[in-house]
Amino acid sequence: MPVLTVLGLSASNKLAEFSEALKVAVSESAEELKLKPSGVSCYFPQDLLPRNNEEILIFVDCLTEKPERTDEVRKKLVEALVAKAKVFFPNAELIECFVKPFKTSHGFASYIK
């Protein structure tokens, strides 16, 4: 399950809607990902400094490596996430997105109720 961590945002009632939009963007960015919105987690850790949504960083963690998840597919993913962030935060001066590949053979366990 991919995990999105978004930094640089102030707490607001807009975050729940933005979270859902990001999850949909992941699932729609490339069919090779074979992901549904329900299979994506999204977190907004709070910073100790006040942020005003000017610099937004999005990290994609735990995206399992698979042959069909090529560099081109990852590029579609990050472009879709940046585009969605631009819609929600049009005044942002910087929006960046990074993908960290993940190999289950390096250690992975899961429990889903």
C-alpha atoms as a PDB file:
ATOM      1  CA  MET A   1       0.000   0.000   0.000  1.00  0.00           C
ATOM      2  CA  PRO A   2       1.585   3.304  -1.037  1.00  0.00           C
ATOM      3  CA  VAL A   3       1.825   5.968   1.638  1.00  0.00           C
ATOM      4  CA  LEU A   4       1.710   9.650   0.706  1.00  0.00           C
ATOM      5  CA  THR A   5       3.297  12.080   3.154  1.00  0.00           C
ATOM      6  CA  VAL A   6       2.644  15.736   2.415  1.00  0.00           C
ATOM      7  CA  LEU A   7       4.747  18.424   4.088  1.00  0.00           C
ATOM      8  CA  GLY A   8       4.392  22.203   4.115  1.00  0.00           C
ATOM      9  CA  LEU A   9       0.650  22.537   4.613  1.00  0.00           C
ATOM     10  CA  SER A  10      -1.176  24.378   7.340  1.00  0.00           C
ATOM     11  CA  ALA A  11      -3.997  22.583   9.112  1.00  0.00           C
ATOM     12  CA  SER A  12      -7.300  23.285   7.379  1.00  0.00           C
ATOM     13  CA  ASN A  13     -10.646  21.722   6.627  1.00  0.00           C
ATOM     14  CA  LYS A  14      -9.421  21.371   3.019  1.00  0.00           C
ATOM     15  CA  LEU A  15      -7.039  18.518   3.900  1.00  0.00           C
ATOM     16  CA  ALA A  16      -9.660  15.738   3.954  1.00  0.00           C
ATOM     17  CA  GLU A  17     -10.820  16.638   0.446  1.00  0.00           C
ATOM     18  CA  PHE A  18      -7.208  17.026  -0.731  1.00  0.00           C
ATOM     19  CA  SER A  19      -6.333  13.608   0.731  1.00  0.00           C
ATOM     20  CA  GLU A  20      -9.137  11.943  -1.224  1.00  0.00           C
ATOM     21  CA  ALA A  21      -8.145  13.799  -4.400  1.00  0.00           C
ATOM     22  CA  LEU A  22      -4.544  12.601  -4.039  1.00  0.00           C
ATOM     23  CA  LYS A  23      -5.674   9.001  -3.562  1.00  0.00           C
ATOM     24  CA  VAL A  24      -7.791   9.193  -6.709  1.00  0.00           C
ATOM     25  CA  ALA A  25      -4.901  10.816  -8.590  1.00  0.00           C
ATOM     26  CA  VAL A  26      -2.665   7.872  -7.673  1.00  0.00           C
ATOM     27  CA  SER A  27      -5.221   5.338  -8.900  1.00  0.00           C
ATOM     28  CA  GLU A  28      -5.907   7.230 -12.135  1.00  0.00           C
ATOM     29  CA  SER A  29      -2.337   8.277 -12.989  1.00  0.00           C
ATOM     30  CA  ALA A  30      -1.358   4.974 -14.627  1.00  0.00           C
ATOM     31  CA  GLU A  31      -3.245   1.721 -14.992  1.00  0.00           C
ATOM     32  CA  GLU A  32       0.061  -0.146 -14.520  1.00  0.00           C
ATOM     33  CA  LEU A  33      -0.028   0.794 -10.832  1.00  0.00           C
ATOM     34  CA  LYS A  34      -3.179  -1.313 -10.382  1.00  0.00           C
ATOM     35  CA  LEU A  35      -4.173   0.699  -7.325  1.00  0.00           C
ATOM     36  CA  LYS A  36      -7.531   1.813  -5.995  1.00  0.00           C
ATOM     37  CA  PRO A  37      -7.958   4.938  -3.860  1.00  0.00           C
ATOM     38  CA  SER A  38      -8.731   2.699  -0.879  1.00  0.00           C
ATOM     39  CA  GLY A  39      -5.276   1.151  -1.263  1.00  0.00           C
ATOM     40  CA  VAL A  40      -3.466   4.449  -0.680  1.00  0.00           C
ATOM     41  CA  SER A  41      -2.793   6.130   2.681  1.00  0.00           C
ATOM     42  CA  CYS A  42      -2.235   9.866   3.018  1.00  0.00           C
ATOM     43  CA  TYR A  43      -0.705  11.725   5.971  1.00  0.00           C
ATOM     44  CA  PHE A  44      -0.090  15.395   6.747  1.00  0.00           C
ATOM     45  CA  PRO A  45       2.417  15.616   9.611  1.00  0.00           C
ATOM     46  CA  GLN A  46       2.402  18.975  11.339  1.00  0.00           C
ATOM     47  CA  ASP A  47       5.556  21.044  11.289  1.00  0.00           C
ATOM     48  CA  LEU A  48       6.848  22.967  14.292  1.00  0.00           C
ATOM     49  CA  LEU A  49       7.112  26.066  12.115  1.00  0.00           C
ATOM     50  CA  PRO A  50       3.963  27.743  10.841  1.00  0.00           C
ATOM     51  CA  ARG A  51       3.511  27.010   7.136  1.00  0.00           C
ATOM     52  CA  ASN A  52       1.434  28.922   4.652  1.00  0.00           C
ATOM     53  CA  ASN A  53       1.187  26.392   1.818  1.00  0.00           C
ATOM     54  CA  GLU A  54       3.944  28.073  -0.225  1.00  0.00           C
ATOM     55  CA  GLU A  55       6.306  25.084  -0.395  1.00  0.00           C
ATOM     56  CA  ILE A  56       4.684  21.664  -0.647  1.00  0.00           C
ATOM     57  CA  LEU A  57       6.613  18.395  -0.680  1.00  0.00           C
ATOM     58  CA  ILE A  58       4.923  15.084  -1.445  1.00  0.00           C
ATOM     59  CA  PHE A  59       6.704  11.814  -0.700  1.00  0.00           C
ATOM     60  CA  VAL A  60       5.436   8.503  -2.080  1.00  0.00           C
ATOM     61  CA  ASP A  61       6.681   5.667   0.119  1.00  0.00           C
ATOM     62  CA  CYS A  62       6.029   1.921   0.074  1.00  0.00           C
ATOM     63  CA  LEU A  63       5.284   1.734  -3.644  1.00  0.00           C
ATOM     64  CA  THR A  64       6.184  -1.894  -4.239  1.00  0.00           C
ATOM     65  CA  GLU A  65       8.609  -2.490  -7.079  1.00  0.00           C
ATOM     66  CA  LYS A  66       7.070  -4.444  -9.945  1.00  0.00           C
ATOM     67  CA  PRO A  67       8.220  -4.836 -13.561  1.00  0.00           C
ATOM     68  CA  GLU A  68       5.266  -2.838 -14.894  1.00  0.00           C
ATOM     69  CA  ARG A  69       6.008   0.091 -12.556  1.00  0.00           C
ATOM     70  CA  THR A  70       8.594   1.609 -14.851  1.00  0.00           C
ATOM     71  CA  ASP A  71      10.274   5.002 -14.625  1.00  0.00           C
ATOM     72  CA  GLU A  72       7.645   6.269 -17.083  1.00  0.00           C
ATOM     73  CA  VAL A  73       4.819   5.063 -14.826  1.00  0.00           C
ATOM     74  CA  ARG A  74       6.446   6.701 -11.793  1.00  0.00           C
ATOM     75  CA  LYS A  75       6.815   9.920 -13.801  1.00  0.00           C
ATOM     76  CA  LYS A  76       3.068   9.875 -14.590  1.00  0.00           C
ATOM     77  CA  LEU A  77       2.385   9.361 -10.894  1.00  0.00           C
ATOM     78  CA  VAL A  78       4.457  12.294  -9.637  1.00  0.00           C
ATOM     79  CA  GLU A  79       3.136  14.585 -12.369  1.00  0.00           C
ATOM     80  CA  ALA A  80      -0.460  13.690 -11.444  1.00  0.00           C
ATOM     81  CA  LEU A  81       0.186  14.395  -7.756  1.00  0.00           C
ATOM     82  CA  VAL A  82       1.864  17.747  -8.450  1.00  0.00           C
ATOM     83  CA  ALA A  83      -0.982  18.725 -10.798  1.00  0.00           C
ATOM     84  CA  LYS A  84      -3.570  17.871  -8.125  1.00  0.00           C
ATOM     85  CA  ALA A  85      -1.682  19.887  -5.505  1.00  0.00           C
ATOM     86  CA  LYS A  86      -1.604  22.881  -7.892  1.00  0.00           C
ATOM     87  CA  VAL A  87      -5.409  22.726  -8.156  1.00  0.00           C
ATOM     88  CA  PHE A  88      -5.864  22.793  -4.381  1.00  0.00           C
ATOM     89  CA  PHE A  89      -3.038  25.245  -3.637  1.00  0.00           C
ATOM     90  CA  PRO A  90      -2.723  27.533  -6.680  1.00  0.00           C
ATOM     91  CA  ASN A  91      -0.607  30.096  -4.783  1.00  0.00           C
ATOM     92  CA  ALA A  92       2.126  27.604  -3.894  1.00  0.00           C
ATOM     93  CA  GLU A  93       5.536  28.737  -5.073  1.00  0.00           C
ATOM     94  CA  LEU A  94       7.043  25.241  -5.033  1.00  0.00           C
ATOM     95  CA  ILE A  95       5.466  21.791  -5.300  1.00  0.00           C
ATOM     96  CA  GLU A  96       7.707  18.743  -5.526  1.00  0.00           C
ATOM     97  CA  CYS A  97       6.978  15.034  -5.456  1.00  0.00           C
ATOM     98  CA  PHE A  98       9.399  12.162  -4.825  1.00  0.00           C
ATOM     99  CA  VAL A  99       8.925   8.384  -5.161  1.00  0.00           C
ATOM    100  CA  LYS A 100      10.861   5.989  -2.959  1.00  0.00           C
ATOM    101  CA  PRO A 101      10.839   2.428  -4.406  1.00  0.00           C
ATOM    102  CA  PHE A 102      10.040  -0.359  -1.988  1.00  0.00           C
ATOM    103  CA  LYS A 103      11.063  -4.029  -2.111  1.00  0.00           C
ATOM    104  CA  THR A 104       9.066  -6.407   0.052  1.00  0.00           C
ATOM    105  CA  SER A 105      12.105  -8.697   0.160  1.00  0.00           C
ATOM    106  CA  HIS A 106      13.858  -6.069   2.289  1.00  0.00           C
ATOM    107  CA  GLY A 107      11.298  -6.683   5.021  1.00  0.00           C
ATOM    108  CA  PHE A 108       7.540  -6.318   5.040  1.00  0.00           C
ATOM    109  CA  ALA A 109       4.640  -7.515   7.165  1.00  0.00           C
ATOM    110  CA  SER A 110       0.995  -6.514   7.091  1.00  0.00           C
ATOM    111  CA  TYR A 111      -2.216  -6.883   9.050  1.00  0.00           C
ATOM    112  CA  ILE A 112      -5.528  -5.741   7.574  1.00  0.00           C
ATOM    113  CA  LYS A 113      -8.741  -6.190   9.506  1.00  0.00           C
END
